[in-house]
Amino acid sequence: MDATTLLVWVISGAFGMGYFVYGKKQHKGVALAAGILLCVIPYFIDNIWLLISVCVALIVSPFIIRV
């Protein structure tokens, strides 16, 4: 594991925790799901560019999908 991968894991975990807490308190399902996925998805994706693109898509998704 290199420094770039670790940095992406930490940043996605921070966003994931923030989205999870926000989604839980405000009863927003999209933010809650995005938060859970942002915390879990780095364990399953090995390619750094694919991981960054998936994390960016998950970070932006609560702003695009409004339920």
PDB file of N, CA and C in Angstrom:
ATOM      1  N   MET A   1       0.861  -1.177   0.000  1.00  0.00           N
ATOM      2  CA  MET A   1       0.000   0.000   0.000  1.00  0.00           C
ATOM      3  C   MET A   1       0.903   1.234   0.000  1.00  0.00           C
ATOM      4  N   ASP A   2       0.625   2.130  -0.896  1.00  0.00           N
ATOM      5  CA  ASP A   2       1.413   3.351  -0.964  1.00  0.00           C
ATOM      6  C   ASP A   2       0.655   4.522  -0.333  1.00  0.00           C
ATOM      7  N   ALA A   3       1.294   5.666  -0.318  1.00  0.00           N
ATOM      8  CA  ALA A   3       0.726   6.834   0.353  1.00  0.00           C
ATOM      9  C   ALA A   3      -0.530   7.346  -0.350  1.00  0.00           C
ATOM     10  N   THR A   4      -0.580   7.239  -1.664  1.00  0.00           N
ATOM     11  CA  THR A   4      -1.744   7.717  -2.406  1.00  0.00           C
ATOM     12  C   THR A   4      -2.987   6.906  -2.056  1.00  0.00           C
ATOM     13  N   THR A   5      -2.833   5.602  -2.004  1.00  0.00           N
ATOM     14  CA  THR A   5      -3.955   4.735  -1.650  1.00  0.00           C
ATOM     15  C   THR A   5      -4.436   5.023  -0.230  1.00  0.00           C
ATOM     16  N   LEU A   6      -3.511   5.186   0.676  1.00  0.00           N
ATOM     17  CA  LEU A   6      -3.880   5.484   2.056  1.00  0.00           C
ATOM     18  C   LEU A   6      -4.597   6.821   2.170  1.00  0.00           C
ATOM     19  N   LEU A   7      -4.138   7.812   1.432  1.00  0.00           N
ATOM     20  CA  LEU A   7      -4.778   9.123   1.441  1.00  0.00           C
ATOM     21  C   LEU A   7      -6.202   9.051   0.896  1.00  0.00           C
ATOM     22  N   VAL A   8      -6.402   8.312  -0.187  1.00  0.00           N
ATOM     23  CA  VAL A   8      -7.746   8.152  -0.757  1.00  0.00           C
ATOM     24  C   VAL A   8      -8.650   7.426   0.237  1.00  0.00           C
ATOM     25  N   TRP A   9      -8.124   6.415   0.930  1.00  0.00           N
ATOM     26  CA  TRP A   9      -8.914   5.694   1.932  1.00  0.00           C
ATOM     27  C   TRP A   9      -9.347   6.629   3.065  1.00  0.00           C
ATOM     28  N   VAL A  10      -8.435   7.467   3.534  1.00  0.00           N
ATOM     29  CA  VAL A  10      -8.756   8.377   4.642  1.00  0.00           C
ATOM     30  C   VAL A  10      -9.781   9.424   4.215  1.00  0.00           C
ATOM     31  N   ILE A  11      -9.604   9.992   3.029  1.00  0.00           N
ATOM     32  CA  ILE A  11     -10.533  11.013   2.557  1.00  0.00           C
ATOM     33  C   ILE A  11     -11.913  10.424   2.298  1.00  0.00           C
ATOM     34  N   SER A  12     -11.973   9.241   1.669  1.00  0.00           N
ATOM     35  CA  SER A  12     -13.279   8.630   1.429  1.00  0.00           C
ATOM     36  C   SER A  12     -13.943   8.222   2.736  1.00  0.00           C
ATOM     37  N   GLY A  13     -13.168   7.790   3.704  1.00  0.00           N
ATOM     38  CA  GLY A  13     -13.728   7.457   5.009  1.00  0.00           C
ATOM     39  C   GLY A  13     -14.272   8.672   5.740  1.00  0.00           C
ATOM     40  N   ALA A  14     -13.580   9.800   5.609  1.00  0.00           N
ATOM     41  CA  ALA A  14     -14.060  11.031   6.249  1.00  0.00           C
ATOM     42  C   ALA A  14     -15.366  11.507   5.619  1.00  0.00           C
ATOM     43  N   PHE A  15     -15.420  11.510   4.284  1.00  0.00           N
ATOM     44  CA  PHE A  15     -16.669  11.869   3.610  1.00  0.00           C
ATOM     45  C   PHE A  15     -17.763  10.868   3.931  1.00  0.00           C
ATOM     46  N   GLY A  16     -17.412   9.596   3.971  1.00  0.00           N
ATOM     47  CA  GLY A  16     -18.388   8.556   4.274  1.00  0.00           C
ATOM     48  C   GLY A  16     -18.980   8.705   5.660  1.00  0.00           C
ATOM     49  N   MET A  17     -18.147   9.005   6.630  1.00  0.00           N
ATOM     50  CA  MET A  17     -18.643   9.197   7.988  1.00  0.00           C
ATOM     51  C   MET A  17     -19.544  10.429   8.071  1.00  0.00           C
ATOM     52  N   GLY A  18     -19.148  11.494   7.400  1.00  0.00           N
ATOM     53  CA  GLY A  18     -19.976  12.699   7.385  1.00  0.00           C
ATOM     54  C   GLY A  18     -21.320  12.468   6.728  1.00  0.00           C
ATOM     55  N   TYR A  19     -21.321  11.787   5.588  1.00  0.00           N
ATOM     56  CA  TYR A  19     -22.580  11.492   4.905  1.00  0.00           C
ATOM     57  C   TYR A  19     -23.438  10.533   5.716  1.00  0.00           C
ATOM     58  N   PHE A  20     -22.801   9.566   6.380  1.00  0.00           N
ATOM     59  CA  PHE A  20     -23.552   8.614   7.187  1.00  0.00           C
ATOM     60  C   PHE A  20     -24.264   9.310   8.348  1.00  0.00           C
ATOM     61  N   VAL A  21     -23.550  10.168   9.056  1.00  0.00           N
ATOM     62  CA  VAL A  21     -24.150  10.886  10.189  1.00  0.00           C
ATOM     63  C   VAL A  21     -25.251  11.826   9.706  1.00  0.00           C
ATOM     64  N   TYR A  22     -25.000  12.551   8.616  1.00  0.00           N
ATOM     65  CA  TYR A  22     -26.003  13.452   8.057  1.00  0.00           C
ATOM     66  C   TYR A  22     -27.239  12.685   7.604  1.00  0.00           C
ATOM     67  N   GLY A  23     -27.028  11.598   6.876  1.00  0.00           N
ATOM     68  CA  GLY A  23     -28.157  10.812   6.381  1.00  0.00           C
ATOM     69  C   GLY A  23     -28.973  10.185   7.491  1.00  0.00           C
ATOM     70  N   LYS A  24     -28.301   9.783   8.557  1.00  0.00           N
ATOM     71  CA  LYS A  24     -29.008   9.169   9.680  1.00  0.00           C
ATOM     72  C   LYS A  24     -29.830  10.203  10.449  1.00  0.00           C
ATOM     73  N   LYS A  25     -29.255  11.366  10.689  1.00  0.00           N
ATOM     74  CA  LYS A  25     -29.968  12.389  11.455  1.00  0.00           C
ATOM     75  C   LYS A  25     -31.097  13.044  10.672  1.00  0.00           C
ATOM     76  N   GLN A  26     -30.899  13.252   9.375  1.00  0.00           N
ATOM     77  CA  GLN A  26     -31.894  13.931   8.553  1.00  0.00           C
ATOM     78  C   GLN A  26     -32.831  12.968   7.825  1.00  0.00           C
ATOM     79  N   HIS A  27     -32.642  11.672   8.019  1.00  0.00           N
ATOM     80  CA  HIS A  27     -33.446  10.634   7.365  1.00  0.00           C
ATOM     81  C   HIS A  27     -33.366  10.753   5.841  1.00  0.00           C
ATOM     82  N   LYS A  28     -32.152  10.920   5.341  1.00  0.00           N
ATOM     83  CA  LYS A  28     -31.886  10.993   3.901  1.00  0.00           C
ATOM     84  C   LYS A  28     -31.234   9.678   3.474  1.00  0.00           C
ATOM     85  N   GLY A  29     -31.980   8.878   2.732  1.00  0.00           N
ATOM     86  CA  GLY A  29     -31.512   7.558   2.348  1.00  0.00           C
ATOM     87  C   GLY A  29     -30.333   7.564   1.400  1.00  0.00           C
ATOM     88  N   VAL A  30     -30.291   8.523   0.475  1.00  0.00           N
ATOM     89  CA  VAL A  30     -29.202   8.581  -0.500  1.00  0.00           C
ATOM     90  C   VAL A  30     -27.890   8.931   0.194  1.00  0.00           C
ATOM     91  N   ALA A  31     -27.913   9.891   1.098  1.00  0.00           N
ATOM     92  CA  ALA A  31     -26.704  10.266   1.826  1.00  0.00           C
ATOM     93  C   ALA A  31     -26.252   9.134   2.748  1.00  0.00           C
ATOM     94  N   LEU A  32     -27.184   8.443   3.362  1.00  0.00           N
ATOM     95  CA  LEU A  32     -26.853   7.319   4.232  1.00  0.00           C
ATOM     96  C   LEU A  32     -26.196   6.195   3.435  1.00  0.00           C
ATOM     97  N   ALA A  33     -26.766   5.851   2.290  1.00  0.00           N
ATOM     98  CA  ALA A  33     -26.198   4.793   1.450  1.00  0.00           C
ATOM     99  C   ALA A  33     -24.832   5.201   0.897  1.00  0.00           C
ATOM    100  N   ALA A  34     -24.704   6.449   0.487  1.00  0.00           N
ATOM    101  CA  ALA A  34     -23.413   6.925  -0.024  1.00  0.00           C
ATOM    102  C   ALA A  34     -22.359   6.893   1.077  1.00  0.00           C
ATOM    103  N   GLY A  35     -22.740   7.227   2.287  1.00  0.00           N
ATOM    104  CA  GLY A  35     -21.805   7.177   3.409  1.00  0.00           C
ATOM    105  C   GLY A  35     -21.337   5.772   3.709  1.00  0.00           C
ATOM    106  N   ILE A  36     -22.247   4.840   3.704  1.00  0.00           N
ATOM    107  CA  ILE A  36     -21.872   3.442   3.956  1.00  0.00           C
ATOM    108  C   ILE A  36     -20.960   2.931   2.844  1.00  0.00           C
ATOM    109  N   LEU A  37     -21.316   3.225   1.601  1.00  0.00           N
ATOM    110  CA  LEU A  37     -20.498   2.768   0.480  1.00  0.00           C
ATOM    111  C   LEU A  37     -19.121   3.422   0.462  1.00  0.00           C
ATOM    112  N   LEU A  38     -19.047   4.694   0.831  1.00  0.00           N
ATOM    113  CA  LEU A  38     -17.745   5.359   0.870  1.00  0.00           C
ATOM    114  C   LEU A  38     -16.837   4.764   1.944  1.00  0.00           C
ATOM    115  N   CYS A  39     -17.396   4.248   3.003  1.00  0.00           N
ATOM    116  CA  CYS A  39     -16.583   3.622   4.044  1.00  0.00           C
ATOM    117  C   CYS A  39     -16.158   2.204   3.673  1.00  0.00           C
ATOM    118  N   VAL A  40     -16.948   1.519   2.867  1.00  0.00           N
ATOM    119  CA  VAL A  40     -16.705   0.102   2.591  1.00  0.00           C
ATOM    120  C   VAL A  40     -15.989  -0.133   1.257  1.00  0.00           C
ATOM    121  N   ILE A  41     -16.276   0.670   0.254  1.00  0.00           N
ATOM    122  CA  ILE A  41     -15.806   0.404  -1.112  1.00  0.00           C
ATOM    123  C   ILE A  41     -14.283   0.387  -1.255  1.00  0.00           C
ATOM    124  N   PRO A  42     -13.489   1.131  -0.495  1.00  0.00           N
ATOM    125  CA  PRO A  42     -12.036   1.045  -0.685  1.00  0.00           C
ATOM    126  C   PRO A  42     -11.447  -0.339  -0.398  1.00  0.00           C
ATOM    127  N   TYR A  43     -12.121  -1.162   0.356  1.00  0.00           N
ATOM    128  CA  TYR A  43     -11.617  -2.503   0.637  1.00  0.00           C
ATOM    129  C   TYR A  43     -11.738  -3.433  -0.567  1.00  0.00           C
ATOM    130  N   PHE A  44     -12.589  -3.116  -1.515  1.00  0.00           N
ATOM    131  CA  PHE A  44     -12.871  -4.016  -2.617  1.00  0.00           C
ATOM    132  C   PHE A  44     -12.269  -3.588  -3.955  1.00  0.00           C
ATOM    133  N   ILE A  45     -11.829  -2.355  -4.080  1.00  0.00           N
ATOM    134  CA  ILE A  45     -11.278  -1.862  -5.348  1.00  0.00           C
ATOM    135  C   ILE A  45      -9.776  -1.643  -5.185  1.00  0.00           C
ATOM    136  N   ASP A  46      -8.984  -2.311  -6.026  1.00  0.00           N
ATOM    137  CA  ASP A  46      -7.528  -2.207  -5.936  1.00  0.00           C
ATOM    138  C   ASP A  46      -6.937  -1.132  -6.841  1.00  0.00           C
ATOM    139  N   ASN A  47      -7.575  -0.877  -7.973  1.00  0.00           N
ATOM    140  CA  ASN A  47      -7.077   0.117  -8.919  1.00  0.00           C
ATOM    141  C   ASN A  47      -7.341   1.514  -8.368  1.00  0.00           C
ATOM    142  N   ILE A  48      -6.291   2.327  -8.236  1.00  0.00           N
ATOM    143  CA  ILE A  48      -6.410   3.639  -7.590  1.00  0.00           C
ATOM    144  C   ILE A  48      -7.276   4.593  -8.403  1.00  0.00           C
ATOM    145  N   TRP A  49      -7.167   4.564  -9.730  1.00  0.00           N
ATOM    146  CA  TRP A  49      -7.961   5.487 -10.552  1.00  0.00           C
ATOM    147  C   TRP A  49      -9.429   5.106 -10.552  1.00  0.00           C
ATOM    148  N   LEU A  50      -9.715   3.828 -10.550  1.00  0.00           N
ATOM    149  CA  LEU A  50     -11.102   3.382 -10.444  1.00  0.00           C
ATOM    150  C   LEU A  50     -11.676   3.739  -9.072  1.00  0.00           C
ATOM    151  N   LEU A  51     -10.860   3.586  -8.040  1.00  0.00           N
ATOM    152  CA  LEU A  51     -11.298   3.932  -6.685  1.00  0.00           C
ATOM    153  C   LEU A  51     -11.601   5.423  -6.565  1.00  0.00           C
ATOM    154  N   ILE A  52     -10.746   6.253  -7.118  1.00  0.00           N
ATOM    155  CA  ILE A  52     -10.979   7.699  -7.062  1.00  0.00           C
ATOM    156  C   ILE A  52     -12.246   8.075  -7.820  1.00  0.00           C
ATOM    157  N   SER A  53     -12.448   7.487  -8.988  1.00  0.00           N
ATOM    158  CA  SER A  53     -13.635   7.838  -9.768  1.00  0.00           C
ATOM    159  C   SER A  53     -14.919   7.359  -9.089  1.00  0.00           C
ATOM    160  N   VAL A  54     -14.898   6.184  -8.484  1.00  0.00           N
ATOM    161  CA  VAL A  54     -16.080   5.699  -7.766  1.00  0.00           C
ATOM    162  C   VAL A  54     -16.356   6.568  -6.542  1.00  0.00           C
ATOM    163  N   CYS A  55     -15.316   6.943  -5.821  1.00  0.00           N
ATOM    164  CA  CYS A  55     -15.502   7.788  -4.634  1.00  0.00           C
ATOM    165  C   CYS A  55     -16.034   9.169  -5.011  1.00  0.00           C
ATOM    166  N   VAL A  56     -15.532   9.741  -6.086  1.00  0.00           N
ATOM    167  CA  VAL A  56     -16.042  11.046  -6.534  1.00  0.00           C
ATOM    168  C   VAL A  56     -17.504  10.925  -6.936  1.00  0.00           C
ATOM    169  N   ALA A  57     -17.853   9.851  -7.638  1.00  0.00           N
ATOM    170  CA  ALA A  57     -19.248   9.645  -8.028  1.00  0.00           C
ATOM    171  C   ALA A  57     -20.145   9.489  -6.798  1.00  0.00           C
ATOM    172  N   LEU A  58     -19.664   8.799  -5.778  1.00  0.00           N
ATOM    173  CA  LEU A  58     -20.459   8.645  -4.560  1.00  0.00           C
ATOM    174  C   LEU A  58     -20.559   9.945  -3.763  1.00  0.00           C
ATOM    175  N   ILE A  59     -19.512  10.752  -3.780  1.00  0.00           N
ATOM    176  CA  ILE A  59     -19.546  12.028  -3.072  1.00  0.00           C
ATOM    177  C   ILE A  59     -20.530  12.989  -3.737  1.00  0.00           C
ATOM    178  N   VAL A  60     -20.621  12.953  -5.055  1.00  0.00           N
ATOM    179  CA  VAL A  60     -21.492  13.861  -5.801  1.00  0.00           C
ATOM    180  C   VAL A  60     -22.940  13.357  -5.838  1.00  0.00           C
ATOM    181  N   SER A  61     -23.140  12.069  -5.681  1.00  0.00           N
ATOM    182  CA  SER A  61     -24.479  11.481  -5.865  1.00  0.00           C
ATOM    183  C   SER A  61     -25.581  12.081  -4.969  1.00  0.00           C
ATOM    184  N   PRO A  62     -25.356  12.426  -3.698  1.00  0.00           N
ATOM    185  CA  PRO A  62     -26.453  13.035  -2.934  1.00  0.00           C
ATOM    186  C   PRO A  62     -26.896  14.402  -3.470  1.00  0.00           C
ATOM    187  N   PHE A  63     -26.014  15.092  -4.177  1.00  0.00           N
ATOM    188  CA  PHE A  63     -26.391  16.371  -4.758  1.00  0.00           C
ATOM    189  C   PHE A  63     -27.175  16.221  -6.051  1.00  0.00           C
ATOM    190  N   ILE A  64     -26.945  15.109  -6.750  1.00  0.00           N
ATOM    191  CA  ILE A  64     -27.624  14.865  -8.016  1.00  0.00           C
ATOM    192  C   ILE A  64     -28.968  14.164  -7.785  1.00  0.00           C
ATOM    193  N   ILE A  65     -28.954  13.146  -6.922  1.00  0.00           N
ATOM    194  CA  ILE A  65     -30.178  12.385  -6.636  1.00  0.00           C
ATOM    195  C   ILE A  65     -30.835  13.000  -5.408  1.00  0.00           C
ATOM    196  N   ARG A  66     -31.930  13.640  -5.612  1.00  0.00           N
ATOM    197  CA  ARG A  66     -32.657  14.278  -4.501  1.00  0.00           C
ATOM    198  C   ARG A  66     -33.974  13.557  -4.307  1.00  0.00           C
ATOM    199  N   VAL A  67     -34.088  12.869  -3.183  1.00  0.00           N
ATOM    200  CA  VAL A  67     -35.304  12.109  -2.886  1.00  0.00           C
ATOM    201  C   VAL A  67     -35.924  12.656  -1.622  1.00  0.00           C
TER     202      VAL A  67
END
